[in-house]
Amino acid sequence: MAMRLYIKGKEAVVLELLRKGKISQGKASELLEVDRHDLFDLMAKHDISTANFPPEEFLRQLEYAGKKVKAGE
């Protein structure tokens, strides 16, 4: 029981650090000892976006995608 509480507590702390952008997804995977697929499942379960772009980067990517669509690529 104590070990389960420790694991859940560790998971909560790591996911909160990830949510706040204090650690990377790779670091979170390492700390939780899970692969990226399992981390993404945890992130989805806790409503943490897997794509954490600053608004400027998101807009830049949308613009780039729009140009590719117009060019027929």
Protein backbone atom coordinates (compact mmCIF):
# COMPACT_ATOMS: atom_id res chain seq x y z
CA MET A 1 0.00 0.00 0.00
CA ALA A 2 2.77 2.45 0.93
CA MET A 3 4.61 1.73 -2.34
CA ARG A 4 1.46 2.36 -4.36
CA LEU A 5 0.97 5.71 -2.63
CA TYR A 6 4.60 6.60 -3.32
CA ILE A 7 4.21 5.78 -7.02
CA LYS A 8 0.96 7.76 -7.34
CA GLY A 9 2.50 10.72 -5.48
CA LYS A 10 5.56 10.66 -7.70
CA GLU A 11 3.33 10.48 -10.78
CA ALA A 12 1.31 13.47 -9.60
CA VAL A 13 4.42 15.58 -8.97
CA VAL A 14 6.05 14.68 -12.29
CA LEU A 15 2.86 15.31 -14.27
CA GLU A 16 2.37 18.68 -12.59
CA LEU A 17 5.94 19.68 -13.44
CA LEU A 18 5.28 18.58 -17.01
CA ARG A 19 2.00 20.52 -17.15
CA LYS A 20 3.81 23.68 -15.99
CA GLY A 21 6.58 23.19 -18.54
CA LYS A 22 9.25 22.71 -15.87
CA ILE A 23 10.40 19.38 -17.33
CA SER A 24 10.31 17.84 -20.81
CA GLN A 25 8.29 14.82 -21.90
CA GLY A 26 11.54 12.88 -22.16
CA LYS A 27 12.47 13.75 -18.58
CA ALA A 28 8.98 12.85 -17.37
CA SER A 29 9.24 9.47 -19.13
CA GLU A 30 12.60 8.89 -17.50
CA LEU A 31 11.43 9.87 -14.01
CA LEU A 32 8.29 7.74 -14.26
CA GLU A 33 10.17 4.87 -15.90
CA VAL A 34 7.64 4.58 -18.73
CA ASP A 35 7.93 4.77 -22.50
CA ARG A 36 6.56 7.70 -24.52
CA HIS A 37 3.36 5.83 -25.42
CA ASP A 38 2.54 5.22 -21.75
CA LEU A 39 3.43 8.83 -20.91
CA PHE A 40 1.02 10.10 -23.59
CA ASP A 41 -1.70 7.88 -22.09
CA LEU A 42 -1.03 9.39 -18.65
CA MET A 43 -1.02 12.88 -20.11
CA ALA A 44 -4.37 12.28 -21.80
CA LYS A 45 -5.81 10.87 -18.57
CA HIS A 46 -4.78 14.08 -16.75
CA ASP A 47 -5.74 16.51 -19.56
CA ILE A 48 -2.17 17.52 -20.36
CA SER A 49 -1.56 18.46 -23.98
CA THR A 50 1.07 16.42 -25.81
CA ALA A 51 1.77 19.40 -28.09
CA ASN A 52 2.85 22.28 -25.93
CA PHE A 53 3.76 25.08 -28.34
CA PRO A 54 4.00 28.77 -27.55
CA PRO A 55 1.20 30.60 -29.42
CA GLU A 56 3.70 32.14 -31.86
CA GLU A 57 5.08 28.73 -32.84
CA PHE A 58 1.60 27.29 -33.27
CA LEU A 59 0.62 30.16 -35.58
CA ARG A 60 3.86 29.77 -37.55
CA GLN A 61 3.14 26.09 -38.07
CA LEU A 62 -0.44 26.79 -39.15
CA GLU A 63 0.82 29.33 -41.67
CA TYR A 64 3.39 26.86 -43.00
CA ALA A 65 0.75 24.12 -43.32
CA GLY A 66 -1.56 26.51 -45.16
CA LYS A 67 1.17 27.30 -47.69
CA LYS A 68 1.77 23.57 -48.24
CA VAL A 69 -1.94 22.97 -48.85
CA LYS A 70 -2.13 25.85 -51.34
CA ALA A 71 0.94 24.50 -53.15
CA GLY A 72 -0.75 21.09 -53.41
CA GLU A 73 1.85 19.25 -51.37
